[in-house]
N, C-alpha and C. Protein backbone atom coordinates (compact mmCIF):
# COMPACT_ATOMS: atom_id res chain seq x y z
N MET A 1 0.85 -1.17 0.00
CA MET A 1 0.00 0.00 0.00
C MET A 1 0.90 1.23 0.00
N GLU A 2 0.55 2.19 -0.80
CA GLU A 2 1.44 3.31 -1.06
C GLU A 2 1.83 4.11 0.19
N ASN A 3 0.88 4.64 0.90
CA ASN A 3 1.17 5.44 2.08
C ASN A 3 0.36 4.89 3.25
N PHE A 4 1.06 4.30 4.17
CA PHE A 4 0.42 3.63 5.30
C PHE A 4 -0.54 4.54 6.06
N LEU A 5 -0.19 5.78 6.21
CA LEU A 5 -1.00 6.69 7.02
C LEU A 5 -2.07 7.43 6.22
N SER A 6 -2.22 7.10 4.95
CA SER A 6 -3.21 7.80 4.14
C SER A 6 -4.62 7.44 4.59
N LYS A 7 -5.53 8.38 4.38
CA LYS A 7 -6.93 8.17 4.73
C LYS A 7 -7.50 6.99 3.95
N LYS A 8 -7.11 6.86 2.70
CA LYS A 8 -7.59 5.75 1.86
C LYS A 8 -7.18 4.40 2.45
N ASN A 9 -5.94 4.26 2.83
CA ASN A 9 -5.48 3.00 3.39
C ASN A 9 -6.13 2.70 4.73
N PHE A 10 -6.39 3.73 5.50
CA PHE A 10 -7.02 3.50 6.79
C PHE A 10 -8.41 2.89 6.61
N SER A 11 -9.12 3.28 5.55
CA SER A 11 -10.46 2.74 5.35
C SER A 11 -10.43 1.24 5.07
N ILE A 12 -9.36 0.73 4.48
CA ILE A 12 -9.26 -0.70 4.24
C ILE A 12 -8.71 -1.43 5.47
N LEU A 13 -7.95 -0.73 6.31
CA LEU A 13 -7.37 -1.33 7.52
C LEU A 13 -8.32 -1.28 8.72
N TRP A 14 -9.26 -0.35 8.72
CA TRP A 14 -10.15 -0.17 9.86
C TRP A 14 -10.89 -1.46 10.25
N PRO A 15 -11.51 -2.20 9.30
CA PRO A 15 -12.19 -3.44 9.70
C PRO A 15 -11.23 -4.46 10.33
N LEU A 16 -10.01 -4.54 9.80
CA LEU A 16 -9.01 -5.43 10.37
C LEU A 16 -8.67 -5.03 11.80
N ILE A 17 -8.42 -3.74 12.00
CA ILE A 17 -8.10 -3.24 13.35
C ILE A 17 -9.27 -3.52 14.29
N LEU A 18 -10.48 -3.28 13.83
CA LEU A 18 -11.67 -3.51 14.66
C LEU A 18 -11.76 -4.96 15.13
N VAL A 19 -11.66 -5.92 14.20
CA VAL A 19 -11.81 -7.31 14.64
C VAL A 19 -10.63 -7.79 15.48
N MET A 20 -9.46 -7.24 15.23
CA MET A 20 -8.31 -7.62 16.06
C MET A 20 -8.48 -7.10 17.49
N VAL A 21 -8.93 -5.86 17.62
CA VAL A 21 -9.16 -5.29 18.96
C VAL A 21 -10.30 -6.03 19.66
N LEU A 22 -11.37 -6.33 18.91
CA LEU A 22 -12.48 -7.09 19.49
C LEU A 22 -12.02 -8.48 19.93
N ASP A 23 -11.13 -9.10 19.18
CA ASP A 23 -10.62 -10.41 19.57
C ASP A 23 -9.86 -10.33 20.89
N LEU A 24 -9.07 -9.30 21.05
CA LEU A 24 -8.36 -9.09 22.33
C LEU A 24 -9.37 -8.93 23.47
N ILE A 25 -10.36 -8.08 23.27
CA ILE A 25 -11.37 -7.81 24.31
C ILE A 25 -12.18 -9.06 24.61
N PHE A 26 -12.66 -9.74 23.56
CA PHE A 26 -13.49 -10.94 23.76
C PHE A 26 -12.70 -12.05 24.45
N THR A 27 -11.43 -12.19 24.10
CA THR A 27 -10.60 -13.22 24.72
C THR A 27 -10.48 -12.98 26.22
N LEU A 28 -10.22 -11.74 26.60
CA LEU A 28 -10.09 -11.43 28.03
C LEU A 28 -11.44 -11.52 28.73
N ALA A 29 -12.50 -11.00 28.11
CA ALA A 29 -13.82 -11.05 28.72
C ALA A 29 -14.36 -12.47 28.81
N GLY A 30 -13.91 -13.34 27.93
CA GLY A 30 -14.39 -14.71 27.91
C GLY A 30 -13.69 -15.64 28.89
N GLN A 31 -12.67 -15.14 29.56
CA GLN A 31 -11.96 -16.00 30.51
C GLN A 31 -12.88 -16.33 31.70
N PRO A 32 -12.78 -17.57 32.18
CA PRO A 32 -13.60 -17.94 33.34
C PRO A 32 -13.22 -17.11 34.56
N GLU A 33 -14.16 -16.99 35.45
CA GLU A 33 -13.93 -16.18 36.66
C GLU A 33 -12.70 -16.64 37.43
N ILE A 34 -12.48 -17.93 37.47
CA ILE A 34 -11.35 -18.48 38.24
C ILE A 34 -10.00 -18.10 37.62
N TYR A 35 -9.98 -17.80 36.33
CA TYR A 35 -8.74 -17.41 35.66
C TYR A 35 -8.11 -16.21 36.35
N TRP A 36 -8.90 -15.29 36.80
CA TRP A 36 -8.38 -14.05 37.38
C TRP A 36 -7.76 -14.28 38.75
N ARG A 37 -7.92 -15.51 39.29
CA ARG A 37 -7.25 -15.90 40.54
C ARG A 37 -6.10 -16.87 40.29
N ASN A 38 -6.18 -17.57 39.13
CA ASN A 38 -5.14 -18.55 38.77
C ASN A 38 -4.98 -18.53 37.26
N TYR A 39 -3.91 -17.90 36.79
CA TYR A 39 -3.71 -17.70 35.34
C TYR A 39 -3.53 -19.00 34.57
N LYS A 40 -3.27 -20.09 35.24
CA LYS A 40 -3.13 -21.38 34.55
C LYS A 40 -4.49 -21.93 34.12
N LEU A 41 -5.57 -21.37 34.61
CA LEU A 41 -6.91 -21.88 34.31
C LEU A 41 -7.58 -21.02 33.23
N TYR A 42 -6.86 -20.82 32.13
CA TYR A 42 -7.35 -20.02 31.01
C TYR A 42 -8.28 -20.84 30.12
N SER A 43 -8.98 -20.13 29.25
CA SER A 43 -9.81 -20.75 28.22
C SER A 43 -9.38 -20.13 26.90
N GLU A 44 -8.64 -20.88 26.11
CA GLU A 44 -8.12 -20.34 24.83
C GLU A 44 -7.68 -21.49 23.95
N SER A 45 -8.07 -21.46 22.67
CA SER A 45 -7.70 -22.55 21.76
C SER A 45 -6.43 -22.24 20.96
N ASN A 46 -6.03 -20.98 20.85
CA ASN A 46 -4.80 -20.63 20.15
C ASN A 46 -3.62 -20.96 21.08
N PRO A 47 -2.73 -21.87 20.68
CA PRO A 47 -1.65 -22.29 21.58
C PRO A 47 -0.74 -21.15 22.05
N LEU A 48 -0.39 -20.23 21.17
CA LEU A 48 0.47 -19.12 21.58
C LEU A 48 -0.25 -18.20 22.55
N ALA A 49 -1.49 -17.85 22.24
CA ALA A 49 -2.28 -17.01 23.14
C ALA A 49 -2.49 -17.71 24.49
N ALA A 50 -2.73 -19.02 24.45
CA ALA A 50 -2.91 -19.79 25.68
C ALA A 50 -1.65 -19.73 26.54
N PHE A 51 -0.49 -19.89 25.91
CA PHE A 51 0.78 -19.82 26.63
C PHE A 51 0.92 -18.46 27.32
N LEU A 52 0.65 -17.38 26.58
CA LEU A 52 0.79 -16.02 27.12
C LEU A 52 -0.23 -15.76 28.23
N LEU A 53 -1.47 -16.18 28.02
CA LEU A 53 -2.50 -16.02 29.05
C LEU A 53 -2.14 -16.81 30.30
N GLY A 54 -1.51 -17.96 30.11
CA GLY A 54 -1.11 -18.79 31.25
C GLY A 54 0.00 -18.17 32.08
N LYS A 55 0.74 -17.26 31.47
CA LYS A 55 1.79 -16.55 32.22
C LYS A 55 1.21 -15.34 32.95
N HIS A 56 0.53 -14.46 32.21
CA HIS A 56 -0.08 -13.27 32.81
C HIS A 56 -0.89 -12.55 31.73
N PRO A 57 -2.07 -12.02 32.07
CA PRO A 57 -2.86 -11.33 31.05
C PRO A 57 -2.16 -10.10 30.45
N MET A 58 -1.31 -9.42 31.22
CA MET A 58 -0.60 -8.26 30.69
C MET A 58 0.43 -8.69 29.63
N LEU A 59 1.03 -9.85 29.82
CA LEU A 59 1.96 -10.37 28.81
C LEU A 59 1.19 -10.65 27.51
N PHE A 60 0.01 -11.22 27.65
CA PHE A 60 -0.86 -11.48 26.49
C PHE A 60 -1.21 -10.16 25.80
N ILE A 61 -1.60 -9.15 26.55
CA ILE A 61 -2.00 -7.85 25.98
C ILE A 61 -0.82 -7.20 25.26
N LEU A 62 0.33 -7.17 25.88
CA LEU A 62 1.51 -6.55 25.26
C LEU A 62 1.91 -7.28 23.98
N ALA A 63 1.94 -8.59 24.03
CA ALA A 63 2.28 -9.37 22.83
C ALA A 63 1.25 -9.13 21.73
N TYR A 64 -0.01 -9.03 22.11
CA TYR A 64 -1.07 -8.81 21.13
C TYR A 64 -0.93 -7.45 20.47
N ILE A 65 -0.59 -6.43 21.23
CA ILE A 65 -0.38 -5.09 20.67
C ILE A 65 0.78 -5.11 19.67
N PHE A 66 1.87 -5.78 20.02
CA PHE A 66 3.00 -5.90 19.08
C PHE A 66 2.58 -6.66 17.83
N TYR A 67 1.80 -7.71 18.01
CA TYR A 67 1.29 -8.49 16.87
C TYR A 67 0.43 -7.62 15.96
N LEU A 68 -0.49 -6.86 16.53
CA LEU A 68 -1.35 -5.98 15.75
C LEU A 68 -0.52 -4.96 14.97
N LEU A 69 0.42 -4.33 15.64
CA LEU A 69 1.29 -3.36 14.96
C LEU A 69 2.12 -4.01 13.87
N PHE A 70 2.62 -5.21 14.13
CA PHE A 70 3.41 -5.93 13.13
C PHE A 70 2.57 -6.21 11.88
N ILE A 71 1.34 -6.65 12.06
CA ILE A 71 0.45 -6.92 10.92
C ILE A 71 0.19 -5.64 10.14
N LEU A 72 -0.04 -4.53 10.84
CA LEU A 72 -0.29 -3.26 10.16
C LEU A 72 0.93 -2.78 9.38
N VAL A 73 2.08 -2.85 9.98
CA VAL A 73 3.32 -2.41 9.31
C VAL A 73 3.63 -3.34 8.13
N LEU A 74 3.48 -4.62 8.33
CA LEU A 74 3.73 -5.58 7.25
C LEU A 74 2.76 -5.34 6.09
N SER A 75 1.49 -5.17 6.39
CA SER A 75 0.52 -4.94 5.31
C SER A 75 0.79 -3.63 4.59
N ALA A 76 1.32 -2.65 5.30
CA ALA A 76 1.63 -1.36 4.69
C ALA A 76 2.85 -1.43 3.78
N ASN A 77 3.71 -2.41 4.03
CA ASN A 77 4.95 -2.49 3.26
C ASN A 77 4.96 -3.56 2.19
N LEU A 78 3.95 -4.38 2.15
CA LEU A 78 3.85 -5.37 1.09
C LEU A 78 3.23 -4.74 -0.15
N LYS A 79 3.61 -5.24 -1.29
CA LYS A 79 3.00 -4.77 -2.54
C LYS A 79 1.70 -5.53 -2.76
N ARG A 80 0.81 -4.88 -3.54
CA ARG A 80 -0.43 -5.57 -3.91
C ARG A 80 -0.09 -6.72 -4.84
N PRO A 81 -0.70 -7.84 -4.83
CA PRO A 81 -1.88 -8.19 -4.04
C PRO A 81 -1.54 -8.77 -2.67
N PHE A 82 -0.24 -8.87 -2.35
CA PHE A 82 0.16 -9.53 -1.10
C PHE A 82 -0.36 -8.80 0.15
N SER A 83 -0.41 -7.46 0.08
CA SER A 83 -0.96 -6.72 1.22
C SER A 83 -2.43 -7.07 1.44
N PHE A 84 -3.17 -7.17 0.34
CA PHE A 84 -4.59 -7.52 0.46
C PHE A 84 -4.78 -8.95 0.94
N ILE A 85 -3.93 -9.85 0.47
CA ILE A 85 -4.00 -11.25 0.92
C ILE A 85 -3.78 -11.33 2.43
N LEU A 86 -2.77 -10.60 2.91
CA LEU A 86 -2.50 -10.58 4.35
C LEU A 86 -3.67 -9.98 5.12
N ILE A 87 -4.15 -8.84 4.69
CA ILE A 87 -5.24 -8.15 5.39
C ILE A 87 -6.48 -9.04 5.44
N ILE A 88 -6.86 -9.62 4.31
CA ILE A 88 -8.07 -10.45 4.27
C ILE A 88 -7.89 -11.72 5.10
N SER A 89 -6.72 -12.34 5.03
CA SER A 89 -6.47 -13.57 5.79
C SER A 89 -6.54 -13.32 7.30
N VAL A 90 -5.83 -12.31 7.76
CA VAL A 90 -5.83 -12.01 9.21
C VAL A 90 -7.21 -11.55 9.64
N PHE A 91 -7.88 -10.77 8.81
CA PHE A 91 -9.26 -10.35 9.09
C PHE A 91 -10.17 -11.56 9.30
N LEU A 92 -10.12 -12.52 8.38
CA LEU A 92 -10.99 -13.70 8.49
C LEU A 92 -10.65 -14.54 9.73
N ILE A 93 -9.38 -14.68 10.04
CA ILE A 93 -8.98 -15.42 11.24
C ILE A 93 -9.60 -14.79 12.48
N HIS A 94 -9.54 -13.46 12.57
CA HIS A 94 -10.04 -12.79 13.77
C HIS A 94 -11.56 -12.66 13.79
N VAL A 95 -12.19 -12.64 12.62
CA VAL A 95 -13.66 -12.70 12.60
C VAL A 95 -14.09 -14.05 13.15
N TRP A 96 -13.46 -15.11 12.68
CA TRP A 96 -13.79 -16.45 13.20
C TRP A 96 -13.53 -16.53 14.70
N ALA A 97 -12.38 -16.03 15.13
CA ALA A 97 -12.01 -16.10 16.55
C ALA A 97 -12.99 -15.33 17.43
N THR A 98 -13.37 -14.12 17.01
CA THR A 98 -14.30 -13.34 17.82
C THR A 98 -15.67 -13.99 17.85
N THR A 99 -16.11 -14.54 16.72
CA THR A 99 -17.41 -15.19 16.68
C THR A 99 -17.44 -16.41 17.59
N SER A 100 -16.30 -17.08 17.76
CA SER A 100 -16.26 -18.25 18.63
C SER A 100 -16.48 -17.89 20.10
N TRP A 101 -16.26 -16.64 20.46
CA TRP A 101 -16.49 -16.19 21.84
C TRP A 101 -17.94 -15.78 22.10
N VAL A 102 -18.71 -15.56 21.06
CA VAL A 102 -20.09 -15.05 21.23
C VAL A 102 -20.93 -15.94 22.15
N PRO A 103 -20.94 -17.28 22.00
CA PRO A 103 -21.77 -18.08 22.92
C PRO A 103 -21.40 -17.90 24.39
N THR A 104 -20.10 -17.89 24.67
CA THR A 104 -19.64 -17.70 26.06
C THR A 104 -20.07 -16.34 26.60
N LEU A 105 -19.83 -15.30 25.83
CA LEU A 105 -20.17 -13.96 26.28
C LEU A 105 -21.69 -13.76 26.35
N ALA A 106 -22.42 -14.35 25.41
CA ALA A 106 -23.89 -14.23 25.42
C ALA A 106 -24.46 -14.89 26.66
N TYR A 107 -23.93 -16.05 27.01
CA TYR A 107 -24.43 -16.74 28.19
C TYR A 107 -24.15 -15.93 29.46
N ARG A 108 -22.95 -15.36 29.54
CA ARG A 108 -22.60 -14.55 30.72
C ARG A 108 -23.44 -13.28 30.83
N LEU A 109 -23.67 -12.64 29.70
CA LEU A 109 -24.38 -11.36 29.72
C LEU A 109 -25.90 -11.52 29.75
N PHE A 110 -26.40 -12.50 29.02
CA PHE A 110 -27.85 -12.61 28.87
C PHE A 110 -28.42 -13.91 29.41
N ALA A 111 -27.54 -14.81 29.89
CA ALA A 111 -27.94 -16.15 30.32
C ALA A 111 -28.70 -16.82 29.18
N PRO A 112 -29.64 -17.69 29.46
CA PRO A 112 -30.31 -18.36 28.34
C PRO A 112 -31.42 -17.53 27.70
N LYS A 113 -31.50 -16.26 28.03
CA LYS A 113 -32.59 -15.41 27.53
C LYS A 113 -32.47 -15.08 26.05
N ILE A 114 -31.28 -15.24 25.48
CA ILE A 114 -31.10 -14.91 24.06
C ILE A 114 -30.36 -16.05 23.39
N ASN A 115 -30.75 -16.35 22.19
CA ASN A 115 -30.14 -17.42 21.43
C ASN A 115 -28.81 -16.93 20.87
N TRP A 116 -27.72 -17.61 21.21
CA TRP A 116 -26.39 -17.15 20.78
C TRP A 116 -26.23 -17.22 19.27
N PHE A 117 -26.97 -18.11 18.59
CA PHE A 117 -26.89 -18.18 17.13
C PHE A 117 -27.29 -16.84 16.51
N TYR A 118 -28.41 -16.30 16.98
CA TYR A 118 -28.88 -15.03 16.42
C TYR A 118 -27.96 -13.87 16.82
N LEU A 119 -27.40 -13.95 18.00
CA LEU A 119 -26.45 -12.93 18.42
C LEU A 119 -25.18 -13.00 17.55
N SER A 120 -24.73 -14.22 17.25
CA SER A 120 -23.57 -14.39 16.36
C SER A 120 -23.88 -13.85 14.97
N ALA A 121 -25.07 -14.15 14.48
CA ALA A 121 -25.47 -13.65 13.16
C ALA A 121 -25.51 -12.13 13.16
N ALA A 122 -26.05 -11.53 14.21
CA ALA A 122 -26.11 -10.06 14.30
C ALA A 122 -24.70 -9.48 14.35
N TYR A 123 -23.80 -10.12 15.08
CA TYR A 123 -22.41 -9.68 15.15
C TYR A 123 -21.77 -9.72 13.76
N LEU A 124 -22.00 -10.81 13.02
CA LEU A 124 -21.42 -10.93 11.68
C LEU A 124 -22.02 -9.91 10.72
N VAL A 125 -23.30 -9.60 10.87
CA VAL A 125 -23.90 -8.55 10.04
C VAL A 125 -23.24 -7.21 10.35
N PHE A 126 -23.00 -6.94 11.63
CA PHE A 126 -22.31 -5.70 12.04
C PHE A 126 -20.92 -5.63 11.41
N ILE A 127 -20.15 -6.72 11.50
CA ILE A 127 -18.81 -6.75 10.92
C ILE A 127 -18.90 -6.59 9.40
N GLY A 128 -19.88 -7.23 8.78
CA GLY A 128 -20.08 -7.09 7.34
C GLY A 128 -20.42 -5.67 6.94
N LEU A 129 -21.24 -5.01 7.74
CA LEU A 129 -21.62 -3.62 7.48
C LEU A 129 -20.41 -2.70 7.56
N VAL A 130 -19.65 -2.81 8.62
CA VAL A 130 -18.44 -1.99 8.79
C VAL A 130 -17.46 -2.26 7.66
N THR A 131 -17.27 -3.52 7.33
CA THR A 131 -16.31 -3.89 6.28
C THR A 131 -16.79 -3.40 4.91
N GLY A 132 -18.05 -3.65 4.61
CA GLY A 132 -18.59 -3.23 3.32
C GLY A 132 -18.50 -1.74 3.11
N LEU A 133 -18.85 -0.97 4.13
CA LEU A 133 -18.78 0.49 4.01
C LEU A 133 -17.35 0.97 3.81
N ASN A 134 -16.42 0.36 4.54
CA ASN A 134 -15.02 0.79 4.42
C ASN A 134 -14.38 0.33 3.12
N VAL A 135 -14.70 -0.85 2.65
CA VAL A 135 -14.16 -1.30 1.36
C VAL A 135 -14.73 -0.44 0.24
N SER A 136 -16.03 -0.12 0.32
CA SER A 136 -16.64 0.77 -0.68
C SER A 136 -15.95 2.13 -0.71
N LYS A 137 -15.67 2.65 0.48
CA LYS A 137 -14.97 3.94 0.58
C LYS A 137 -13.57 3.83 -0.04
N PHE A 138 -12.88 2.74 0.27
CA PHE A 138 -11.55 2.52 -0.28
C PHE A 138 -11.58 2.48 -1.81
N LEU A 139 -12.56 1.80 -2.36
CA LEU A 139 -12.65 1.67 -3.82
C LEU A 139 -13.03 2.99 -4.50
N ARG A 140 -13.77 3.84 -3.79
CA ARG A 140 -14.16 5.14 -4.36
C ARG A 140 -12.99 6.13 -4.39
N GLU A 141 -12.10 6.02 -3.43
CA GLU A 141 -11.00 7.00 -3.31
C GLU A 141 -9.86 6.72 -4.27
């Protein structure tokens, strides 16, 4: 991408940044209550994230921030189509990861009063809306 800090590039990166930040938040919010008393009792399927969470949540947060920045810098410095391949791939990974937390978070917040399937669908529509609007903006500029 030509200029990493350009307004045009930000519109294509914004959905990626959003789902990555949501993944960080959902991962921490989805941890069982006992985790906050014993970091070895984490709930995480990503082996690297699990290792970091098992050490300390701040280690996980710091590593995640470096990871997010690394992905942004890498995508800014790759030539097309490789930058788009990276952005779309990481975006899809984090959309899947955040959606996997919806049942846990829905149960904690709403108990059985709301069907997590519909909440997941609404979440995906929201992500699709944000992504569609930003990609449209990117293509217009």
